[in-house]
N, C-alpha and C. Protein backbone atom coordinates (compact mmCIF):
# COMPACT_ATOMS: atom_id res chain seq x y z
N MET A 1 113.41 -7.87 23.85
CA MET A 1 113.64 -8.42 22.51
C MET A 1 114.01 -7.29 21.55
N THR A 2 115.04 -7.52 20.77
CA THR A 2 115.50 -6.50 19.83
C THR A 2 114.55 -6.37 18.65
N GLU A 3 114.17 -5.13 18.36
CA GLU A 3 113.26 -4.89 17.24
C GLU A 3 114.00 -5.09 15.92
N PRO A 4 113.36 -5.72 14.93
CA PRO A 4 114.01 -5.91 13.64
C PRO A 4 114.27 -4.57 12.95
N LEU A 5 115.38 -4.49 12.24
CA LEU A 5 115.71 -3.28 11.52
C LEU A 5 114.76 -3.09 10.34
N ALA A 6 114.39 -1.83 10.09
CA ALA A 6 113.54 -1.55 8.94
C ALA A 6 114.35 -1.79 7.67
N PRO A 7 113.72 -2.35 6.64
CA PRO A 7 114.45 -2.60 5.39
C PRO A 7 114.91 -1.30 4.74
N ALA A 8 116.08 -1.35 4.14
CA ALA A 8 116.60 -0.17 3.44
C ALA A 8 115.71 0.13 2.25
N PRO A 9 115.51 1.40 1.93
CA PRO A 9 114.65 1.74 0.78
C PRO A 9 115.25 1.20 -0.50
N SER A 10 114.41 0.71 -1.38
CA SER A 10 114.87 0.19 -2.66
C SER A 10 115.20 1.35 -3.58
N PRO A 11 115.97 1.09 -4.64
CA PRO A 11 116.24 2.15 -5.63
C PRO A 11 114.98 2.77 -6.18
N ALA A 12 113.93 1.93 -6.36
CA ALA A 12 112.66 2.45 -6.89
C ALA A 12 112.05 3.43 -5.89
N ASP A 13 112.11 3.08 -4.58
CA ASP A 13 111.59 3.98 -3.55
C ASP A 13 112.34 5.30 -3.56
N GLU A 14 113.67 5.23 -3.64
CA GLU A 14 114.49 6.44 -3.63
C GLU A 14 114.21 7.30 -4.86
N THR A 15 113.98 6.65 -6.00
CA THR A 15 113.67 7.40 -7.21
C THR A 15 112.35 8.14 -7.07
N GLU A 16 111.35 7.48 -6.48
CA GLU A 16 110.06 8.11 -6.28
C GLU A 16 110.15 9.25 -5.26
N GLN A 17 110.94 9.05 -4.22
CA GLN A 17 111.13 10.09 -3.21
C GLN A 17 111.80 11.32 -3.83
N ALA A 18 112.81 11.08 -4.66
CA ALA A 18 113.52 12.18 -5.31
C ALA A 18 112.59 12.92 -6.27
N LYS A 19 111.76 12.16 -6.98
CA LYS A 19 110.80 12.76 -7.91
C LYS A 19 109.82 13.65 -7.15
N ALA A 20 109.36 13.17 -6.00
CA ALA A 20 108.44 13.96 -5.19
C ALA A 20 109.13 15.22 -4.66
N ALA A 21 110.40 15.08 -4.28
CA ALA A 21 111.15 16.23 -3.78
C ALA A 21 111.35 17.27 -4.87
N MET A 22 111.60 16.82 -6.10
CA MET A 22 111.74 17.76 -7.22
C MET A 22 110.41 18.49 -7.48
N GLY A 23 109.31 17.79 -7.36
CA GLY A 23 108.00 18.42 -7.51
C GLY A 23 107.78 19.48 -6.44
N TRP A 24 108.22 19.17 -5.23
CA TRP A 24 108.11 20.13 -4.12
C TRP A 24 108.98 21.36 -4.39
N MET A 25 110.19 21.16 -4.86
CA MET A 25 111.08 22.28 -5.16
C MET A 25 110.48 23.19 -6.24
N HIS A 26 109.75 22.58 -7.17
CA HIS A 26 109.16 23.34 -8.28
C HIS A 26 108.08 24.32 -7.79
N THR A 27 107.60 24.14 -6.56
CA THR A 27 106.57 25.04 -6.03
C THR A 27 107.15 26.37 -5.56
N ALA A 28 108.47 26.52 -5.62
CA ALA A 28 109.13 27.73 -5.10
C ALA A 28 108.56 28.99 -5.75
N ARG A 29 108.32 29.99 -4.93
CA ARG A 29 107.81 31.27 -5.43
C ARG A 29 108.39 32.39 -4.57
N PHE A 30 108.53 33.54 -5.19
CA PHE A 30 109.13 34.68 -4.50
C PHE A 30 108.29 35.08 -3.30
N LEU A 31 108.96 35.33 -2.19
CA LEU A 31 108.28 35.73 -0.96
C LEU A 31 108.57 37.19 -0.62
N THR A 32 109.85 37.54 -0.47
CA THR A 32 110.21 38.92 -0.17
C THR A 32 111.70 39.13 -0.38
N THR A 33 112.11 40.39 -0.35
CA THR A 33 113.52 40.73 -0.46
C THR A 33 113.85 41.81 0.56
N ALA A 34 115.09 41.81 1.05
CA ALA A 34 115.49 42.79 2.06
C ALA A 34 116.99 43.01 2.01
N THR A 35 117.40 44.22 2.34
CA THR A 35 118.83 44.52 2.39
C THR A 35 119.38 44.43 3.80
N GLN A 36 118.49 44.38 4.78
CA GLN A 36 118.90 44.28 6.18
C GLN A 36 118.14 43.14 6.86
N LEU A 37 118.80 42.53 7.84
CA LEU A 37 118.23 41.37 8.51
C LEU A 37 116.90 41.69 9.18
N HIS A 38 116.80 42.86 9.80
CA HIS A 38 115.58 43.19 10.54
C HIS A 38 114.39 43.46 9.62
N HIS A 39 114.64 43.56 8.31
CA HIS A 39 113.54 43.74 7.36
C HIS A 39 112.94 42.40 6.93
N LEU A 40 113.60 41.30 7.25
CA LEU A 40 113.07 39.98 6.88
C LEU A 40 111.90 39.61 7.78
N PRO A 41 110.84 39.05 7.22
CA PRO A 41 109.70 38.67 8.05
C PRO A 41 110.03 37.46 8.92
N ALA A 42 109.49 37.48 10.13
CA ALA A 42 109.59 36.29 10.99
C ALA A 42 108.55 35.28 10.51
N HIS A 43 108.89 34.01 10.56
CA HIS A 43 107.93 32.97 10.19
C HIS A 43 108.28 31.70 10.95
N GLU A 44 107.40 30.71 10.89
CA GLU A 44 107.56 29.51 11.69
C GLU A 44 108.17 28.35 10.90
N HIS A 45 108.51 28.56 9.65
CA HIS A 45 108.96 27.47 8.80
C HIS A 45 110.47 27.31 8.80
N SER A 46 110.92 26.10 8.52
CA SER A 46 112.35 25.85 8.39
C SER A 46 112.90 26.62 7.20
N GLU A 47 114.10 27.17 7.36
CA GLU A 47 114.70 27.98 6.31
C GLU A 47 116.05 27.38 5.91
N ILE A 48 116.32 27.38 4.61
CA ILE A 48 117.60 26.89 4.09
C ILE A 48 118.26 28.03 3.34
N ALA A 49 119.51 28.34 3.70
CA ALA A 49 120.24 29.45 3.09
C ALA A 49 121.21 28.94 2.04
N PHE A 50 121.26 29.64 0.90
CA PHE A 50 122.23 29.38 -0.16
C PHE A 50 123.26 30.51 -0.12
N VAL A 51 124.53 30.12 0.01
CA VAL A 51 125.60 31.11 0.10
C VAL A 51 126.73 30.72 -0.84
N GLY A 52 127.61 31.68 -1.14
CA GLY A 52 128.76 31.36 -1.98
C GLY A 52 129.32 32.59 -2.66
N ARG A 53 130.49 32.42 -3.24
CA ARG A 53 131.11 33.51 -3.98
C ARG A 53 130.23 33.92 -5.16
N SER A 54 130.43 35.13 -5.62
CA SER A 54 129.57 35.70 -6.65
C SER A 54 129.59 34.93 -7.96
N ASN A 55 130.66 34.23 -8.23
CA ASN A 55 130.78 33.49 -9.50
C ASN A 55 130.70 31.98 -9.32
N ALA A 56 130.10 31.54 -8.22
CA ALA A 56 130.06 30.10 -7.93
C ALA A 56 128.86 29.39 -8.55
N GLY A 57 127.95 30.13 -9.17
CA GLY A 57 126.79 29.51 -9.80
C GLY A 57 125.61 29.33 -8.88
N LYS A 58 125.47 30.22 -7.88
CA LYS A 58 124.40 30.09 -6.89
C LYS A 58 123.02 30.25 -7.51
N SER A 59 122.83 31.31 -8.29
CA SER A 59 121.52 31.54 -8.92
C SER A 59 121.16 30.41 -9.87
N THR A 60 122.13 29.94 -10.63
CA THR A 60 121.89 28.83 -11.56
C THR A 60 121.48 27.58 -10.80
N CYS A 61 122.13 27.34 -9.67
CA CYS A 61 121.80 26.17 -8.85
C CYS A 61 120.36 26.24 -8.35
N ILE A 62 119.98 27.39 -7.82
CA ILE A 62 118.61 27.55 -7.30
C ILE A 62 117.59 27.38 -8.43
N ASN A 63 117.86 28.00 -9.56
CA ASN A 63 116.93 27.89 -10.69
C ASN A 63 116.83 26.46 -11.20
N THR A 64 117.94 25.73 -11.17
CA THR A 64 117.93 24.33 -11.62
C THR A 64 117.16 23.46 -10.65
N LEU A 65 117.38 23.65 -9.37
CA LEU A 65 116.68 22.85 -8.36
C LEU A 65 115.17 23.09 -8.40
N THR A 66 114.78 24.33 -8.66
CA THR A 66 113.35 24.67 -8.67
C THR A 66 112.71 24.54 -10.05
N GLN A 67 113.56 24.22 -11.06
CA GLN A 67 113.10 24.06 -12.44
C GLN A 67 112.39 25.32 -12.94
N GLN A 68 112.97 26.46 -12.55
CA GLN A 68 112.45 27.75 -12.98
C GLN A 68 113.62 28.60 -13.47
N LYS A 69 113.49 29.14 -14.66
CA LYS A 69 114.62 29.79 -15.30
C LYS A 69 115.02 31.12 -14.67
N ARG A 70 114.04 31.82 -14.07
CA ARG A 70 114.33 33.18 -13.59
C ARG A 70 113.89 33.41 -12.16
N LEU A 71 113.81 32.36 -11.36
CA LEU A 71 113.41 32.56 -9.96
C LEU A 71 114.47 33.35 -9.22
N ALA A 72 115.71 32.85 -9.27
CA ALA A 72 116.83 33.57 -8.65
C ALA A 72 117.49 34.42 -9.72
N PHE A 73 117.63 35.69 -9.44
CA PHE A 73 118.15 36.63 -10.44
C PHE A 73 119.67 36.62 -10.45
N ALA A 74 120.25 36.38 -11.62
CA ALA A 74 121.70 36.44 -11.77
C ALA A 74 122.07 37.77 -12.41
N SER A 75 122.72 38.63 -11.64
CA SER A 75 123.11 39.94 -12.14
C SER A 75 124.18 39.80 -13.21
N LYS A 76 124.13 40.69 -14.20
CA LYS A 76 125.16 40.68 -15.24
C LYS A 76 126.52 41.05 -14.67
N THR A 77 126.51 41.79 -13.56
CA THR A 77 127.76 42.11 -12.86
C THR A 77 127.78 41.35 -11.55
N PRO A 78 128.54 40.26 -11.46
CA PRO A 78 128.58 39.45 -10.23
C PRO A 78 128.91 40.31 -9.01
N GLY A 79 128.20 40.05 -7.92
CA GLY A 79 128.46 40.75 -6.69
C GLY A 79 127.62 42.00 -6.49
N ARG A 80 126.83 42.38 -7.50
CA ARG A 80 126.05 43.60 -7.40
C ARG A 80 124.74 43.39 -6.65
N THR A 81 124.28 42.16 -6.56
CA THR A 81 123.03 41.88 -5.85
C THR A 81 123.25 42.05 -4.36
N GLN A 82 122.53 42.99 -3.75
CA GLN A 82 122.77 43.35 -2.35
C GLN A 82 121.68 42.86 -1.42
N HIS A 83 120.77 42.05 -1.91
CA HIS A 83 119.60 41.69 -1.13
C HIS A 83 119.63 40.23 -0.67
N ILE A 84 118.92 39.97 0.42
CA ILE A 84 118.57 38.61 0.80
C ILE A 84 117.18 38.36 0.23
N ASN A 85 117.07 37.36 -0.62
CA ASN A 85 115.79 37.04 -1.25
C ASN A 85 115.24 35.75 -0.66
N LEU A 86 113.98 35.79 -0.26
CA LEU A 86 113.32 34.62 0.31
C LEU A 86 112.31 34.06 -0.69
N PHE A 87 112.29 32.72 -0.78
CA PHE A 87 111.34 32.02 -1.64
C PHE A 87 110.58 30.99 -0.82
N ALA A 88 109.28 30.99 -0.95
CA ALA A 88 108.43 30.05 -0.21
C ALA A 88 108.31 28.73 -0.98
N LEU A 89 108.24 27.64 -0.24
CA LEU A 89 108.04 26.31 -0.81
C LEU A 89 106.82 25.67 -0.18
N GLY A 90 106.04 24.96 -0.98
CA GLY A 90 104.90 24.25 -0.43
C GLY A 90 103.81 24.08 -1.47
N ARG A 91 103.13 22.95 -1.42
CA ARG A 91 102.09 22.66 -2.40
C ARG A 91 100.78 23.36 -2.05
N GLY A 92 99.97 23.56 -3.07
CA GLY A 92 98.65 24.14 -2.87
C GLY A 92 98.68 25.56 -2.33
N GLY A 93 99.77 26.28 -2.59
CA GLY A 93 99.85 27.64 -2.11
C GLY A 93 100.20 27.77 -0.64
N GLN A 94 100.35 26.63 0.03
CA GLN A 94 100.72 26.64 1.44
C GLN A 94 102.24 26.61 1.57
N THR A 95 102.78 27.26 2.58
CA THR A 95 104.22 27.29 2.79
C THR A 95 104.62 26.30 3.87
N ASP A 96 105.61 25.43 3.56
CA ASP A 96 106.12 24.54 4.59
C ASP A 96 107.64 24.66 4.76
N ALA A 97 108.28 25.51 3.94
CA ALA A 97 109.71 25.76 4.08
C ALA A 97 110.04 27.01 3.27
N VAL A 98 111.21 27.58 3.55
CA VAL A 98 111.63 28.81 2.87
C VAL A 98 113.09 28.68 2.45
N LEU A 99 113.39 29.11 1.21
CA LEU A 99 114.76 29.20 0.75
C LEU A 99 115.22 30.64 0.87
N ALA A 100 116.46 30.84 1.32
CA ALA A 100 117.04 32.18 1.43
C ALA A 100 118.25 32.25 0.51
N ASP A 101 118.20 33.16 -0.45
CA ASP A 101 119.31 33.39 -1.37
C ASP A 101 120.09 34.59 -0.85
N LEU A 102 121.28 34.34 -0.29
CA LEU A 102 122.08 35.41 0.30
C LEU A 102 123.00 36.02 -0.75
N PRO A 103 123.37 37.30 -0.56
CA PRO A 103 124.23 37.97 -1.55
C PRO A 103 125.54 37.22 -1.77
N GLY A 104 125.98 37.18 -3.02
CA GLY A 104 127.28 36.60 -3.32
C GLY A 104 128.38 37.47 -2.73
N TYR A 105 129.51 36.87 -2.44
CA TYR A 105 130.59 37.64 -1.82
C TYR A 105 131.92 37.41 -2.54
N GLY A 106 132.84 38.33 -2.34
CA GLY A 106 134.21 38.14 -2.82
C GLY A 106 134.53 38.72 -4.18
N TYR A 107 133.57 39.40 -4.83
CA TYR A 107 133.87 39.90 -6.17
C TYR A 107 134.68 41.19 -6.11
N ALA A 108 135.79 41.23 -6.83
CA ALA A 108 136.78 42.30 -6.69
C ALA A 108 136.24 43.68 -7.05
N ALA A 109 135.28 43.77 -7.99
CA ALA A 109 134.82 45.07 -8.48
C ALA A 109 133.89 45.77 -7.50
N VAL A 110 133.45 45.07 -6.45
CA VAL A 110 132.54 45.68 -5.48
C VAL A 110 133.33 46.56 -4.51
N PRO A 111 132.86 47.79 -4.24
CA PRO A 111 133.55 48.65 -3.28
C PRO A 111 133.74 47.98 -1.92
N LYS A 112 134.85 48.26 -1.29
CA LYS A 112 135.20 47.60 -0.03
C LYS A 112 134.14 47.80 1.04
N GLN A 113 133.58 49.00 1.13
CA GLN A 113 132.55 49.28 2.13
C GLN A 113 131.33 48.37 1.94
N ASP A 114 130.94 48.18 0.67
CA ASP A 114 129.81 47.32 0.38
C ASP A 114 130.12 45.87 0.77
N LYS A 115 131.33 45.42 0.45
CA LYS A 115 131.74 44.06 0.81
C LYS A 115 131.60 43.84 2.31
N ILE A 116 132.13 44.78 3.08
CA ILE A 116 132.10 44.65 4.54
C ILE A 116 130.66 44.62 5.05
N ARG A 117 129.83 45.51 4.51
CA ARG A 117 128.44 45.57 4.96
C ARG A 117 127.69 44.28 4.63
N TRP A 118 127.85 43.79 3.39
CA TRP A 118 127.15 42.56 3.01
C TRP A 118 127.60 41.38 3.86
N GLN A 119 128.92 41.32 4.11
CA GLN A 119 129.44 40.21 4.91
C GLN A 119 128.92 40.26 6.34
N GLN A 120 128.75 41.46 6.88
CA GLN A 120 128.20 41.59 8.22
C GLN A 120 126.74 41.16 8.26
N VAL A 121 125.99 41.55 7.22
CA VAL A 121 124.58 41.15 7.15
C VAL A 121 124.48 39.63 7.08
N MET A 122 125.31 39.00 6.24
CA MET A 122 125.27 37.54 6.11
C MET A 122 125.68 36.86 7.40
N ALA A 123 126.74 37.36 8.04
CA ALA A 123 127.20 36.76 9.28
C ALA A 123 126.12 36.85 10.36
N ASN A 124 125.48 38.01 10.46
CA ASN A 124 124.40 38.17 11.44
C ASN A 124 123.25 37.22 11.15
N TYR A 125 122.93 37.08 9.87
CA TYR A 125 121.86 36.16 9.48
C TYR A 125 122.21 34.73 9.89
N LEU A 126 123.41 34.28 9.53
CA LEU A 126 123.81 32.89 9.78
C LEU A 126 123.93 32.58 11.27
N VAL A 127 124.27 33.59 12.05
CA VAL A 127 124.42 33.38 13.49
C VAL A 127 123.09 33.46 14.23
N SER A 128 122.20 34.36 13.78
CA SER A 128 121.04 34.69 14.61
C SER A 128 119.68 34.27 14.05
N ARG A 129 119.60 33.88 12.79
CA ARG A 129 118.30 33.50 12.22
C ARG A 129 117.80 32.24 12.92
N GLU A 130 116.76 32.37 13.72
CA GLU A 130 116.35 31.30 14.63
C GLU A 130 115.90 30.03 13.93
N ASN A 131 115.16 30.17 12.82
CA ASN A 131 114.61 28.98 12.18
C ASN A 131 115.47 28.50 11.00
N LEU A 132 116.74 28.93 10.96
CA LEU A 132 117.66 28.42 9.94
C LEU A 132 117.92 26.95 10.21
N ARG A 133 117.59 26.12 9.23
CA ARG A 133 117.69 24.67 9.39
C ARG A 133 118.93 24.11 8.69
N GLY A 134 119.32 24.74 7.57
CA GLY A 134 120.46 24.22 6.83
C GLY A 134 121.11 25.29 5.98
N VAL A 135 122.37 25.07 5.62
CA VAL A 135 123.12 25.98 4.77
C VAL A 135 123.71 25.19 3.61
N VAL A 136 123.54 25.72 2.39
CA VAL A 136 124.15 25.14 1.20
C VAL A 136 125.20 26.13 0.71
N LEU A 137 126.46 25.71 0.73
CA LEU A 137 127.56 26.54 0.26
C LEU A 137 127.94 26.11 -1.14
N LEU A 138 127.86 27.04 -2.09
CA LEU A 138 128.20 26.76 -3.48
C LEU A 138 129.67 27.09 -3.72
N CYS A 139 130.37 26.18 -4.38
CA CYS A 139 131.80 26.36 -4.60
C CYS A 139 132.17 25.85 -5.99
N ASP A 140 132.94 26.63 -6.73
CA ASP A 140 133.47 26.19 -8.01
C ASP A 140 134.70 25.32 -7.71
N PRO A 141 134.63 24.02 -7.97
CA PRO A 141 135.73 23.11 -7.57
C PRO A 141 137.04 23.39 -8.29
N ARG A 142 136.99 24.13 -9.39
CA ARG A 142 138.24 24.46 -10.10
C ARG A 142 139.07 25.46 -9.30
N HIS A 143 138.41 26.17 -8.39
CA HIS A 143 139.12 27.14 -7.54
C HIS A 143 139.20 26.67 -6.09
N GLY A 144 138.29 25.75 -5.71
CA GLY A 144 138.29 25.23 -4.35
C GLY A 144 137.70 26.23 -3.35
N LEU A 145 137.63 25.80 -2.11
CA LEU A 145 137.14 26.68 -1.06
C LEU A 145 138.17 27.77 -0.79
N THR A 146 137.73 29.00 -0.80
CA THR A 146 138.63 30.13 -0.66
C THR A 146 138.72 30.60 0.79
N GLU A 147 139.52 31.62 1.01
CA GLU A 147 139.66 32.19 2.36
C GLU A 147 138.33 32.72 2.87
N LEU A 148 137.55 33.36 1.98
CA LEU A 148 136.24 33.87 2.38
C LEU A 148 135.27 32.73 2.71
N ASP A 149 135.34 31.64 1.95
CA ASP A 149 134.51 30.47 2.25
C ASP A 149 134.88 29.93 3.63
N ASP A 150 136.17 29.93 3.93
CA ASP A 150 136.64 29.42 5.22
C ASP A 150 136.14 30.29 6.37
N VAL A 151 136.09 31.61 6.14
CA VAL A 151 135.54 32.52 7.14
C VAL A 151 134.08 32.17 7.41
N LEU A 152 133.33 31.91 6.35
CA LEU A 152 131.92 31.55 6.49
C LEU A 152 131.77 30.24 7.27
N LEU A 153 132.64 29.28 6.97
CA LEU A 153 132.60 28.00 7.69
C LEU A 153 132.81 28.21 9.19
N LYS A 154 133.72 29.10 9.53
CA LYS A 154 133.99 29.37 10.94
C LYS A 154 132.78 30.03 11.61
N VAL A 155 132.08 30.87 10.86
CA VAL A 155 130.91 31.55 11.40
C VAL A 155 129.82 30.54 11.77
N ILE A 156 129.59 29.56 10.89
CA ILE A 156 128.48 28.62 11.14
C ILE A 156 128.88 27.40 11.94
N ARG A 157 130.18 27.20 12.18
CA ARG A 157 130.62 25.96 12.84
C ARG A 157 129.92 25.71 14.18
N PRO A 158 129.77 26.72 15.06
CA PRO A 158 129.06 26.45 16.31
C PRO A 158 127.65 25.94 16.10
N ARG A 159 126.96 26.47 15.11
CA ARG A 159 125.60 26.02 14.85
C ARG A 159 125.59 24.63 14.21
N VAL A 160 126.59 24.33 13.39
CA VAL A 160 126.69 22.98 12.81
C VAL A 160 126.89 21.96 13.92
N GLU A 161 127.70 22.31 14.89
CA GLU A 161 127.93 21.41 16.03
C GLU A 161 126.67 21.20 16.85
N GLU A 162 125.75 22.17 16.77
CA GLU A 162 124.47 22.06 17.48
C GLU A 162 123.39 21.38 16.66
N GLY A 163 123.71 21.02 15.39
CA GLY A 163 122.75 20.29 14.58
C GLY A 163 122.34 20.96 13.28
N LEU A 164 122.84 22.17 13.00
CA LEU A 164 122.54 22.82 11.73
C LEU A 164 123.06 21.97 10.58
N LYS A 165 122.22 21.71 9.59
CA LYS A 165 122.63 20.94 8.42
C LYS A 165 123.51 21.79 7.52
N PHE A 166 124.46 21.14 6.86
CA PHE A 166 125.42 21.89 6.04
C PHE A 166 125.86 21.04 4.87
N LEU A 167 125.78 21.64 3.67
CA LEU A 167 126.14 20.93 2.45
C LEU A 167 127.00 21.84 1.58
N VAL A 168 128.15 21.31 1.13
CA VAL A 168 128.97 22.00 0.13
C VAL A 168 128.65 21.39 -1.22
N LEU A 169 128.14 22.21 -2.14
CA LEU A 169 127.87 21.74 -3.50
C LEU A 169 128.99 22.24 -4.41
N LEU A 170 129.69 21.31 -5.02
CA LEU A 170 130.75 21.65 -5.96
C LEU A 170 130.11 21.81 -7.34
N THR A 171 129.85 23.04 -7.73
CA THR A 171 129.11 23.33 -8.95
C THR A 171 129.98 23.17 -10.19
N LYS A 172 129.34 23.25 -11.34
CA LYS A 172 130.04 23.18 -12.62
C LYS A 172 130.87 21.90 -12.74
N ALA A 173 130.33 20.82 -12.16
CA ALA A 173 131.06 19.54 -12.14
C ALA A 173 131.26 18.98 -13.54
N ASP A 174 130.45 19.43 -14.50
CA ASP A 174 130.59 18.95 -15.88
C ASP A 174 131.91 19.40 -16.51
N LYS A 175 132.56 20.39 -15.91
CA LYS A 175 133.84 20.88 -16.43
C LYS A 175 135.02 20.07 -15.89
N LEU A 176 134.76 19.08 -15.04
CA LEU A 176 135.81 18.27 -14.45
C LEU A 176 135.84 16.88 -15.06
N THR A 177 137.02 16.29 -15.14
CA THR A 177 137.11 14.88 -15.47
C THR A 177 136.68 14.07 -14.25
N ARG A 178 136.47 12.79 -14.45
CA ARG A 178 136.05 11.95 -13.32
C ARG A 178 137.10 11.96 -12.20
N SER A 179 138.36 11.87 -12.57
CA SER A 179 139.42 11.86 -11.56
C SER A 179 139.53 13.20 -10.86
N ASP A 180 139.37 14.29 -11.62
CA ASP A 180 139.42 15.62 -11.01
C ASP A 180 138.24 15.82 -10.06
N GLY A 181 137.07 15.29 -10.45
CA GLY A 181 135.90 15.39 -9.59
C GLY A 181 136.10 14.65 -8.28
N ALA A 182 136.68 13.45 -8.36
CA ALA A 182 136.94 12.67 -7.15
C ALA A 182 137.95 13.38 -6.25
N LYS A 183 138.96 13.98 -6.86
CA LYS A 183 139.96 14.72 -6.10
C LYS A 183 139.35 15.93 -5.41
N ALA A 184 138.50 16.66 -6.15
CA ALA A 184 137.85 17.85 -5.58
C ALA A 184 136.95 17.47 -4.41
N LEU A 185 136.25 16.35 -4.53
CA LEU A 185 135.41 15.87 -3.43
C LEU A 185 136.24 15.57 -2.19
N SER A 186 137.35 14.88 -2.38
CA SER A 186 138.21 14.50 -1.25
C SER A 186 138.73 15.74 -0.52
N ILE A 187 139.18 16.72 -1.30
CA ILE A 187 139.73 17.94 -0.70
C ILE A 187 138.65 18.71 0.05
N ALA A 188 137.47 18.85 -0.59
CA ALA A 188 136.38 19.61 0.03
C ALA A 188 135.89 18.94 1.31
N LYS A 189 135.88 17.62 1.35
CA LYS A 189 135.45 16.91 2.56
C LYS A 189 136.38 17.20 3.72
N LEU A 190 137.66 17.35 3.43
CA LEU A 190 138.62 17.67 4.48
C LEU A 190 138.39 19.09 5.00
N GLN A 191 137.95 19.98 4.11
CA GLN A 191 137.78 21.39 4.48
C GLN A 191 136.41 21.69 5.06
N ALA A 192 135.44 20.81 4.81
CA ALA A 192 134.04 21.13 5.13
C ALA A 192 133.74 21.14 6.62
N GLY A 193 134.57 20.50 7.42
CA GLY A 193 134.38 20.55 8.86
C GLY A 193 133.06 20.02 9.35
N GLY A 194 132.71 18.83 8.94
CA GLY A 194 131.48 18.20 9.41
C GLY A 194 130.31 18.31 8.46
N GLY A 195 130.47 19.07 7.40
CA GLY A 195 129.39 19.18 6.42
C GLY A 195 129.48 18.10 5.37
N GLU A 196 128.39 17.91 4.64
CA GLU A 196 128.38 16.97 3.52
C GLU A 196 128.88 17.67 2.27
N VAL A 197 129.39 16.89 1.33
CA VAL A 197 129.93 17.44 0.08
C VAL A 197 129.39 16.64 -1.09
N ALA A 198 129.02 17.31 -2.17
CA ALA A 198 128.52 16.61 -3.35
C ALA A 198 128.85 17.40 -4.61
N LEU A 199 129.00 16.68 -5.72
CA LEU A 199 129.19 17.31 -7.02
C LEU A 199 127.83 17.72 -7.59
N PHE A 200 127.82 18.83 -8.33
CA PHE A 200 126.56 19.35 -8.87
C PHE A 200 126.82 19.95 -10.25
N SER A 201 125.98 19.60 -11.20
CA SER A 201 126.07 20.19 -12.54
C SER A 201 124.68 20.56 -13.03
N ALA A 202 124.45 21.86 -13.22
CA ALA A 202 123.17 22.30 -13.77
C ALA A 202 123.02 21.84 -15.21
N LEU A 203 124.12 21.81 -15.95
CA LEU A 203 124.09 21.44 -17.36
C LEU A 203 123.70 19.97 -17.54
N LYS A 204 124.33 19.09 -16.78
CA LYS A 204 124.07 17.66 -16.92
C LYS A 204 123.11 17.11 -15.87
N LYS A 205 122.58 18.02 -15.05
CA LYS A 205 121.62 17.65 -14.00
C LYS A 205 122.22 16.67 -12.98
N GLN A 206 123.51 16.70 -12.82
CA GLN A 206 124.18 15.83 -11.85
C GLN A 206 123.94 16.34 -10.43
N GLY A 207 123.48 15.46 -9.57
CA GLY A 207 123.27 15.82 -8.18
C GLY A 207 122.02 16.63 -7.90
N VAL A 208 121.21 16.88 -8.91
CA VAL A 208 120.04 17.75 -8.73
C VAL A 208 118.97 17.06 -7.89
N ASP A 209 118.56 15.87 -8.28
CA ASP A 209 117.47 15.20 -7.55
C ASP A 209 117.89 14.80 -6.14
N THR A 210 119.15 14.37 -5.98
CA THR A 210 119.61 13.99 -4.63
C THR A 210 119.69 15.21 -3.71
N THR A 211 120.05 16.35 -4.27
CA THR A 211 120.08 17.58 -3.46
C THR A 211 118.68 18.00 -3.07
N ALA A 212 117.74 17.91 -4.01
CA ALA A 212 116.34 18.25 -3.71
C ALA A 212 115.81 17.36 -2.59
N LEU A 213 116.11 16.08 -2.65
CA LEU A 213 115.65 15.16 -1.62
C LEU A 213 116.27 15.49 -0.27
N LYS A 214 117.54 15.86 -0.29
CA LYS A 214 118.22 16.22 0.95
C LYS A 214 117.55 17.45 1.59
N LEU A 215 117.23 18.45 0.78
CA LEU A 215 116.59 19.65 1.31
C LEU A 215 115.20 19.34 1.85
N TRP A 216 114.50 18.45 1.17
CA TRP A 216 113.18 18.01 1.68
C TRP A 216 113.35 17.37 3.05
N ASN A 217 114.31 16.47 3.17
CA ASN A 217 114.52 15.78 4.45
C ASN A 217 114.95 16.75 5.55
N TRP A 218 115.78 17.72 5.21
CA TRP A 218 116.20 18.71 6.20
C TRP A 218 115.02 19.46 6.80
N THR A 219 114.06 19.80 5.96
CA THR A 219 112.97 20.66 6.40
C THR A 219 111.73 19.89 6.87
N HIS A 220 111.77 18.57 6.75
CA HIS A 220 110.60 17.77 7.17
C HIS A 220 110.98 16.68 8.16
N THR A 221 112.11 16.86 8.83
CA THR A 221 112.53 15.92 9.86
C THR A 221 112.68 16.71 11.16
N THR A 222 112.09 16.19 12.22
CA THR A 222 112.07 16.95 13.48
C THR A 222 113.38 16.78 14.27
N THR A 223 114.11 15.70 14.00
CA THR A 223 115.35 15.48 14.76
C THR A 223 116.54 15.78 13.87
N PRO A 224 117.65 16.31 14.46
CA PRO A 224 118.84 16.64 13.65
C PRO A 224 119.40 15.44 12.94
């Protein structure tokens, strides 16, 4: 006998789930920082990495999701932050997931040697970090996914095919008209190669609660 399908969650249920996810994100606290992969501590928790160009709004996105103004540090000179910063998540001081803020890439003023080194560190992290559960790529939709973003997509594609979660957040969506936003979504979906795509605005809080809920689900679901 066929089992009846579970009822779809009501809007009220989804609102409560998103509210709970936002509360969970608010528990974020600094864990450690490192300039090399082997300096990062090993741990048993699911990890979500935030990546993107230096001017894509990555720090603003993290601070908005966690409802903390200065959790992720935004350098006055984009591209100067050379560290991987880890933030612990979990209620009551307990950790049940970790956010990884990876160095921004692609800023022209950074010396070429530094660019190459940072990109190698990020590539090694994305390929070899065992408990990496998901990747959030931040992109300014007015410029679209760049050649460097495409390189990053190629790096993680094998892991995405194996079940790694992947989300492209089109930041600064408040600067787009509705039609431009729809167009940017369509283009990014074609480029994302199996990842999800969503509009995000820190100013208007667009996509904030749904992103928080998605990250909660990524780190609290045992199956891909």
